[in-house]
Amino acid sequence: MEPTRDQLLWMYETMALIRLYEETMAKVYLEGKLPPHIQKGLAFDIGGGPVPGEMHLAAGQEPVAVGVCAHLHEHDTVVGTHRPHHFAIAKGVPLDTMTAEMFGKVTGLGQGKGGHMHLFDPAHKFSCSGIIGASLPPACGAALAAKMRGKDWVSVAFFGDGAANQGSFHESLNLAALWKLPVIFVCEDNKYAISVEKVDSTSVPWNADRAAAYGIPGVLVERNDALEVFQAAGAAIARARRGEGPTLIEVKTDRYLGHFQGDPEVYRPKGETTELRKNDPIPVLAAQLRRMGLLDDAGEAAVAARVAGQVEAAYAFARASAYPQPEDALRHVFV
């Protein structure tokens, strides 16, 4: 399955949008968290600034999101991880309300009550969770609902290599294989489960090999390349729509930033991220599009201007929005 011109250009622009969004959040997140004079025991105030709490960014992992979501329709479901922004953006979740949610504002997706790891957008059939491995069971549920309704809708569960050692991974693959659910399991292998290398936590070289235990296809994408992800995802999604059941895809991707913002990254070899950035997937895709005659200097500049405008507007919307009232804490809760 070859991507169309529109899909190629969409993937490139969406990757550029994700990268700028994440790089902007990396700066905004630090506001108010680093005191002017480092005090003993107060080097980093995680609750300070306009975006409180933890923050997990996905710069470098854009190909996984766009390569899969380029095939999805509005009725398809995506369930993301604690590092969710690239998936949300690729699924079409509005930047303004998503950003407002991270700022804790009433105009956010969850009226400021969820934060960046709990983004829920029913209109775009997107959700995520801060719990490792929690994306797989809900994706199975959405796939079961589609199958029972006789629809050709699919669901996608994104998760990290660390989640592949959770019970929810094995239980979900078993159930999906048994019932031939239209779900695609996509493992982002960025080498680390927080600070633990996969080689130190996982008994097989590739998690894609584990698909054989459940009698389903397991596909390994060995490069952080949007077109290669697109090819693998296209076959898996078409198979699911035909009623032939699930597929497990593992993508070897790269995380350029820490597990969380403020992560000292002492577990990483010196110079590792510098080396990884030499194969940045965004310039790689741009070069591919240039060779196809689909992109030139003017086109790149136009994309850069559009995404800059979108990101600037989203952050301005979030900053200008109001905070919830104290009494709102008692709304939308079970009693």
Protein backbone atom coordinates (compact mmCIF):
# COMPACT_ATOMS: atom_id res chain seq x y z
CA MET A 1 0.00 0.00 0.00
CA GLU A 2 1.54 3.25 -1.17
CA PRO A 3 0.61 6.58 0.47
CA THR A 4 -1.20 9.15 -1.60
CA ARG A 5 0.18 12.63 -2.16
CA ASP A 6 -2.23 14.02 0.43
CA GLN A 7 -1.22 11.39 3.00
CA LEU A 8 2.47 12.12 2.46
CA LEU A 9 2.03 15.84 2.90
CA TRP A 10 -0.26 15.33 5.90
CA MET A 11 2.31 13.10 7.59
CA TYR A 12 5.08 15.63 7.09
CA GLU A 13 3.07 18.61 8.31
CA THR A 14 1.65 16.70 11.28
CA MET A 15 5.13 15.57 12.32
CA ALA A 16 6.33 19.17 12.13
CA LEU A 17 3.31 20.28 14.19
CA ILE A 18 3.93 17.63 16.85
CA ARG A 19 7.61 18.51 17.13
CA LEU A 20 7.01 22.23 17.52
CA TYR A 21 4.21 21.61 19.99
CA GLU A 22 6.42 19.39 22.16
CA GLU A 23 9.42 21.72 21.98
CA THR A 24 7.20 24.63 22.97
CA MET A 25 5.75 22.67 25.89
CA ALA A 26 9.27 21.80 27.05
CA LYS A 27 9.92 25.53 27.50
CA VAL A 28 6.52 26.52 28.87
CA TYR A 29 6.52 23.67 31.35
CA LEU A 30 9.66 24.98 33.07
CA GLU A 31 8.09 28.35 33.81
CA GLY A 32 7.89 28.80 37.58
CA LYS A 33 9.54 25.47 38.33
CA LEU A 34 13.15 26.56 38.56
CA PRO A 35 13.65 29.10 41.38
CA PRO A 36 16.04 32.00 40.73
CA HIS A 37 18.35 30.77 43.48
CA ILE A 38 18.49 27.02 43.94
CA GLN A 39 17.58 26.28 47.53
CA LYS A 40 18.41 23.13 49.40
CA GLY A 41 15.67 20.62 48.76
CA LEU A 42 13.91 22.93 46.30
CA ALA A 43 15.68 22.61 42.97
CA PHE A 44 12.55 21.80 40.98
CA ASP A 45 8.98 22.74 41.93
CA ILE A 46 6.81 20.25 40.03
CA GLY A 47 3.64 22.06 41.08
CA GLY A 48 4.82 25.49 40.00
CA GLY A 49 4.19 27.44 36.82
CA PRO A 50 1.27 27.40 34.41
CA VAL A 51 1.49 23.64 33.72
CA PRO A 52 1.64 21.73 37.03
CA GLY A 53 2.43 18.05 37.47
CA GLU A 54 4.54 15.67 35.42
CA MET A 55 5.14 16.11 31.71
CA HIS A 56 6.14 13.40 29.21
CA LEU A 57 7.02 14.59 25.72
CA ALA A 58 7.32 12.61 22.49
CA ALA A 59 9.84 14.53 20.37
CA GLY A 60 11.46 11.96 18.08
CA GLN A 61 8.57 9.49 18.15
CA GLU A 62 6.39 11.27 15.61
CA PRO A 63 6.58 8.57 12.88
CA VAL A 64 4.69 6.07 15.05
CA ALA A 65 1.71 8.39 15.42
CA VAL A 66 1.44 9.68 11.87
CA GLY A 67 2.28 6.40 10.14
CA VAL A 68 -0.64 4.71 11.89
CA CYS A 69 -3.16 7.53 12.08
CA ALA A 70 -2.81 8.34 8.37
CA HIS A 71 -4.98 5.25 7.78
CA LEU A 72 -7.65 5.94 10.38
CA HIS A 73 -11.19 7.23 9.92
CA GLU A 74 -13.28 9.36 12.26
CA HIS A 75 -15.03 6.31 13.73
CA ASP A 76 -11.79 4.51 14.57
CA THR A 77 -10.58 4.59 18.17
CA VAL A 78 -7.11 5.46 19.47
CA VAL A 79 -5.98 4.80 23.03
CA GLY A 80 -2.67 6.41 23.95
CA THR A 81 -0.15 6.31 26.75
CA HIS A 82 1.20 8.62 29.45
CA ARG A 83 3.21 10.20 26.58
CA PRO A 84 0.14 11.01 24.49
CA HIS A 85 0.38 14.32 22.63
CA HIS A 86 1.66 12.97 19.30
CA PHE A 87 -1.15 10.43 19.13
CA ALA A 88 -3.78 13.00 20.06
CA ILE A 89 -2.58 15.49 17.47
CA ALA A 90 -2.40 12.82 14.76
CA LYS A 91 -5.96 11.70 15.62
CA GLY A 92 -7.23 15.26 15.23
CA VAL A 93 -7.77 16.30 18.85
CA PRO A 94 -7.98 20.13 18.84
CA LEU A 95 -4.79 21.80 19.99
CA ASP A 96 -6.53 24.58 21.89
CA THR A 97 -8.68 22.46 24.21
CA MET A 98 -5.92 19.88 24.64
CA THR A 99 -3.47 22.58 25.70
CA ALA A 100 -6.01 24.21 27.99
CA GLU A 101 -6.45 20.86 29.73
CA MET A 102 -2.73 20.73 30.48
CA PHE A 103 -2.92 24.26 31.88
CA GLY A 104 -5.76 23.15 34.16
CA LYS A 105 -8.25 25.51 32.56
CA VAL A 106 -12.02 25.20 32.39
CA THR A 107 -11.90 25.27 28.58
CA GLY A 108 -9.84 22.05 28.55
CA LEU A 109 -11.00 18.67 27.31
CA GLY A 110 -11.76 17.63 30.90
CA GLN A 111 -12.41 21.15 32.19
CA GLY A 112 -8.91 21.16 33.68
CA LYS A 113 -9.39 18.12 35.89
CA GLY A 114 -7.32 15.55 34.00
CA GLY A 115 -4.05 17.12 32.95
CA HIS A 116 -1.71 15.94 30.26
CA MET A 117 -1.87 12.18 30.99
CA HIS A 118 -5.67 12.05 31.01
CA LEU A 119 -6.84 13.52 27.72
CA PHE A 120 -10.32 12.38 26.73
CA ASP A 121 -12.00 13.50 23.52
CA PRO A 122 -15.09 11.41 22.65
CA ALA A 123 -15.69 13.49 19.50
CA HIS A 124 -12.41 12.26 18.06
CA LYS A 125 -12.52 8.87 19.82
CA PHE A 126 -9.27 9.45 21.64
CA SER A 127 -8.24 8.71 25.22
CA CYS A 128 -5.09 7.98 27.19
CA SER A 129 -3.96 7.02 30.68
CA GLY A 130 -1.02 7.45 33.01
CA ILE A 131 -1.08 3.74 33.92
CA ILE A 132 1.48 1.59 32.11
CA GLY A 133 -0.23 -0.95 29.85
CA ALA A 134 -3.67 0.59 30.37
CA SER A 135 -4.23 1.33 26.68
CA LEU A 136 -4.66 -2.29 25.57
CA PRO A 137 -7.87 -3.43 27.37
CA PRO A 138 -9.94 -0.34 26.38
CA ALA A 139 -8.81 -0.72 22.77
CA CYS A 140 -10.06 -4.31 22.88
CA GLY A 141 -13.36 -3.05 24.25
CA ALA A 142 -13.77 -0.54 21.44
CA ALA A 143 -12.90 -3.24 18.89
CA LEU A 144 -15.44 -5.62 20.41
CA ALA A 145 -18.13 -2.94 20.28
CA ALA A 146 -17.38 -2.30 16.60
CA LYS A 147 -17.52 -6.01 15.81
CA MET A 148 -20.82 -6.51 17.67
CA ARG A 149 -22.33 -3.58 15.77
CA GLY A 150 -21.18 -4.98 12.43
CA LYS A 151 -18.97 -1.99 11.67
CA ASP A 152 -15.61 -2.02 9.92
CA TRP A 153 -14.17 0.31 12.56
CA VAL A 154 -10.80 -0.49 14.10
CA SER A 155 -9.10 0.49 17.32
CA VAL A 156 -5.43 1.11 18.01
CA ALA A 157 -3.64 0.62 21.32
CA PHE A 158 -0.32 2.43 21.55
CA PHE A 159 2.05 1.42 24.34
CA GLY A 160 5.74 1.37 25.21
CA ASP A 161 8.21 -1.50 25.36
CA GLY A 162 7.96 -1.52 29.16
CA ALA A 163 4.21 -2.14 28.94
CA ALA A 164 4.86 -5.31 26.93
CA ASN A 165 5.94 -6.95 30.19
CA GLN A 166 2.65 -6.14 31.90
CA GLY A 167 -0.12 -8.67 32.32
CA SER A 168 -2.54 -6.43 30.44
CA PHE A 169 -0.42 -6.87 27.30
CA HIS A 170 -0.64 -10.67 27.30
CA GLU A 171 -4.28 -10.80 28.40
CA SER A 172 -5.32 -8.33 25.70
CA LEU A 173 -3.44 -10.10 22.91
CA ASN A 174 -4.92 -13.42 23.95
CA LEU A 175 -8.48 -12.09 24.06
CA ALA A 176 -8.15 -10.16 20.79
CA ALA A 177 -6.71 -13.19 19.01
CA LEU A 178 -9.38 -15.51 20.43
CA TRP A 179 -12.25 -13.26 19.37
CA LYS A 180 -10.58 -11.93 16.19
CA LEU A 181 -11.05 -8.36 17.30
CA PRO A 182 -10.28 -5.51 14.87
CA VAL A 183 -7.52 -4.02 17.02
CA ILE A 184 -3.95 -3.09 16.21
CA PHE A 185 -1.40 -3.18 19.02
CA VAL A 186 1.45 -0.74 18.39
CA CYS A 187 4.54 -0.91 20.59
CA GLU A 188 6.79 2.15 20.69
CA ASP A 189 10.22 0.68 21.39
CA ASN A 190 12.29 3.69 22.41
CA LYS A 191 14.81 1.44 24.20
CA TYR A 192 13.87 2.55 27.70
CA ALA A 193 11.10 1.75 30.17
CA ILE A 194 11.61 4.92 32.20
CA SER A 195 15.34 4.37 32.90
CA VAL A 196 15.64 0.62 32.34
CA GLU A 197 16.96 -0.59 28.99
CA LYS A 198 14.88 -3.19 27.20
CA VAL A 199 17.83 -5.58 27.15
CA ASP A 200 17.73 -5.60 30.96
CA SER A 201 13.99 -6.15 31.27
CA THR A 202 12.78 -8.23 28.33
CA SER A 203 13.67 -11.84 27.54
CA VAL A 204 13.22 -11.57 23.77
CA PRO A 205 15.04 -9.22 21.39
CA TRP A 206 11.81 -7.89 19.88
CA ASN A 207 8.32 -7.72 21.33
CA ALA A 208 6.92 -8.34 17.85
CA ASP A 209 8.14 -11.94 18.26
CA ARG A 210 5.60 -12.42 21.05
CA ALA A 211 2.72 -12.27 18.59
CA ALA A 212 3.44 -15.85 17.52
CA ALA A 213 2.39 -17.09 20.96
CA TYR A 214 -1.13 -15.86 20.23
CA GLY A 215 -1.31 -16.93 16.60
CA ILE A 216 -1.39 -13.40 15.18
CA PRO A 217 0.99 -11.49 12.89
CA GLY A 218 3.91 -9.72 14.52
CA VAL A 219 5.60 -6.99 12.48
CA LEU A 220 8.86 -5.24 13.31
CA VAL A 221 9.62 -1.79 11.88
CA GLU A 222 13.33 -1.43 12.50
CA ARG A 223 13.71 2.24 11.54
CA ASN A 224 12.11 5.38 12.89
CA ASP A 225 10.66 6.12 9.47
CA ALA A 226 7.14 7.39 8.80
CA LEU A 227 6.81 5.62 5.45
CA GLU A 228 7.85 2.26 6.87
CA VAL A 229 5.37 2.64 9.73
CA PHE A 230 2.72 3.60 7.18
CA GLN A 231 3.31 0.41 5.21
CA ALA A 232 3.15 -1.85 8.28
CA ALA A 233 0.10 -0.11 9.71
CA GLY A 234 -1.74 -0.11 6.39
CA ALA A 235 -1.55 -3.88 6.08
CA ALA A 236 -2.57 -4.43 9.70
CA ILE A 237 -5.51 -2.03 9.56
CA ALA A 238 -6.77 -3.47 6.26
CA ARG A 239 -6.57 -6.96 7.79
CA ALA A 240 -8.56 -5.82 10.83
CA ARG A 241 -11.24 -4.16 8.68
CA ARG A 242 -11.65 -7.42 6.75
CA GLY A 243 -12.48 -9.19 10.01
CA GLU A 244 -9.22 -11.17 10.14
CA GLY A 245 -8.25 -10.07 13.64
CA PRO A 246 -5.46 -8.23 15.42
CA THR A 247 -1.83 -7.49 14.56
CA LEU A 248 1.08 -6.58 16.80
CA ILE A 249 3.44 -3.94 15.39
CA GLU A 250 6.67 -2.92 17.08
CA VAL A 251 8.42 0.25 15.92
CA LYS A 252 12.02 1.01 16.85
CA THR A 253 11.69 4.70 17.60
CA ASP A 254 13.76 7.31 19.45
CA ARG A 255 12.97 9.45 22.47
CA TYR A 256 15.00 12.66 22.29
CA LEU A 257 13.98 14.04 25.67
CA GLY A 258 13.90 12.54 29.15
CA HIS A 259 11.28 10.12 30.36
CA PHE A 260 9.75 13.19 31.99
CA GLN A 261 10.71 16.85 31.92
CA GLY A 262 13.31 17.34 34.64
CA ASP A 263 14.67 13.82 34.16
CA PRO A 264 18.49 14.02 34.71
CA GLU A 265 18.91 11.10 32.26
CA VAL A 266 21.96 9.73 34.07
CA TYR A 267 21.08 6.28 32.71
CA ARG A 268 21.79 7.34 29.12
CA PRO A 269 25.27 7.13 27.61
CA LYS A 270 26.79 10.54 26.94
CA GLY A 271 26.06 11.77 23.46
CA GLU A 272 23.30 9.23 22.81
CA THR A 273 20.61 11.74 21.92
CA THR A 274 23.03 13.71 19.73
CA GLU A 275 23.64 10.57 17.71
CA LEU A 276 19.92 9.77 17.53
CA ARG A 277 19.11 13.24 16.21
CA LYS A 278 21.40 12.67 13.24
CA ASN A 279 18.58 10.48 11.88
CA ASP A 280 15.77 12.88 12.80
CA PRO A 281 12.67 11.47 11.05
CA ILE A 282 11.30 14.88 10.05
CA PRO A 283 14.21 15.92 7.80
CA VAL A 284 14.32 12.32 6.56
CA LEU A 285 10.69 12.53 5.41
CA ALA A 286 11.26 16.02 3.98
CA ALA A 287 14.12 14.66 1.87
CA GLN A 288 11.93 11.79 0.67
CA LEU A 289 9.21 14.23 -0.35
CA ARG A 290 11.73 16.42 -2.15
CA ARG A 291 12.92 13.44 -4.18
CA MET A 292 9.28 12.75 -5.12
CA GLY A 293 8.83 16.36 -6.20
CA LEU A 294 6.25 17.02 -3.49
CA LEU A 295 8.21 19.51 -1.39
CA ASP A 296 10.55 22.44 -2.00
CA ASP A 297 11.92 25.37 0.00
CA ALA A 298 8.72 27.36 -0.38
CA GLY A 299 6.64 24.38 0.69
CA GLU A 300 8.76 23.80 3.79
CA ALA A 301 8.51 27.46 4.73
CA ALA A 302 4.73 27.40 4.30
CA VAL A 303 4.44 24.32 6.55
CA ALA A 304 6.66 25.94 9.18
CA ALA A 305 4.51 29.08 9.15
CA ARG A 306 1.24 27.16 9.43
CA VAL A 307 2.32 24.97 12.32
CA ALA A 308 3.86 27.94 14.13
CA GLY A 309 0.56 29.76 13.90
CA GLN A 310 -1.38 26.78 15.20
CA VAL A 311 0.95 26.21 18.15
CA GLU A 312 1.05 29.89 19.07
CA ALA A 313 -2.74 30.12 18.97
CA ALA A 314 -3.19 27.00 21.11
CA TYR A 315 -0.88 28.20 23.86
CA ALA A 316 -2.38 31.69 23.78
CA PHE A 317 -5.86 30.17 24.14
CA ALA A 318 -4.75 28.10 27.12
CA ARG A 319 -3.07 31.04 28.87
CA ALA A 320 -6.07 33.30 28.36
CA SER A 321 -8.66 30.76 29.52
CA ALA A 322 -10.13 30.88 33.02
CA TYR A 323 -9.40 28.46 35.84
CA PRO A 324 -12.30 26.41 37.22
CA GLN A 325 -14.12 27.75 40.26
CA PRO A 326 -13.49 26.00 43.62
CA GLU A 327 -16.99 24.55 43.64
CA ASP A 328 -16.28 22.87 40.27
CA ALA A 329 -14.24 20.30 42.17
CA LEU A 330 -17.52 18.69 43.24
CA ARG A 331 -18.94 18.51 39.72
CA HIS A 332 -18.63 15.50 37.38
CA VAL A 333 -17.84 13.11 40.23
CA PHE A 334 -19.58 10.03 41.57
CA VAL A 335 -21.01 10.38 45.07
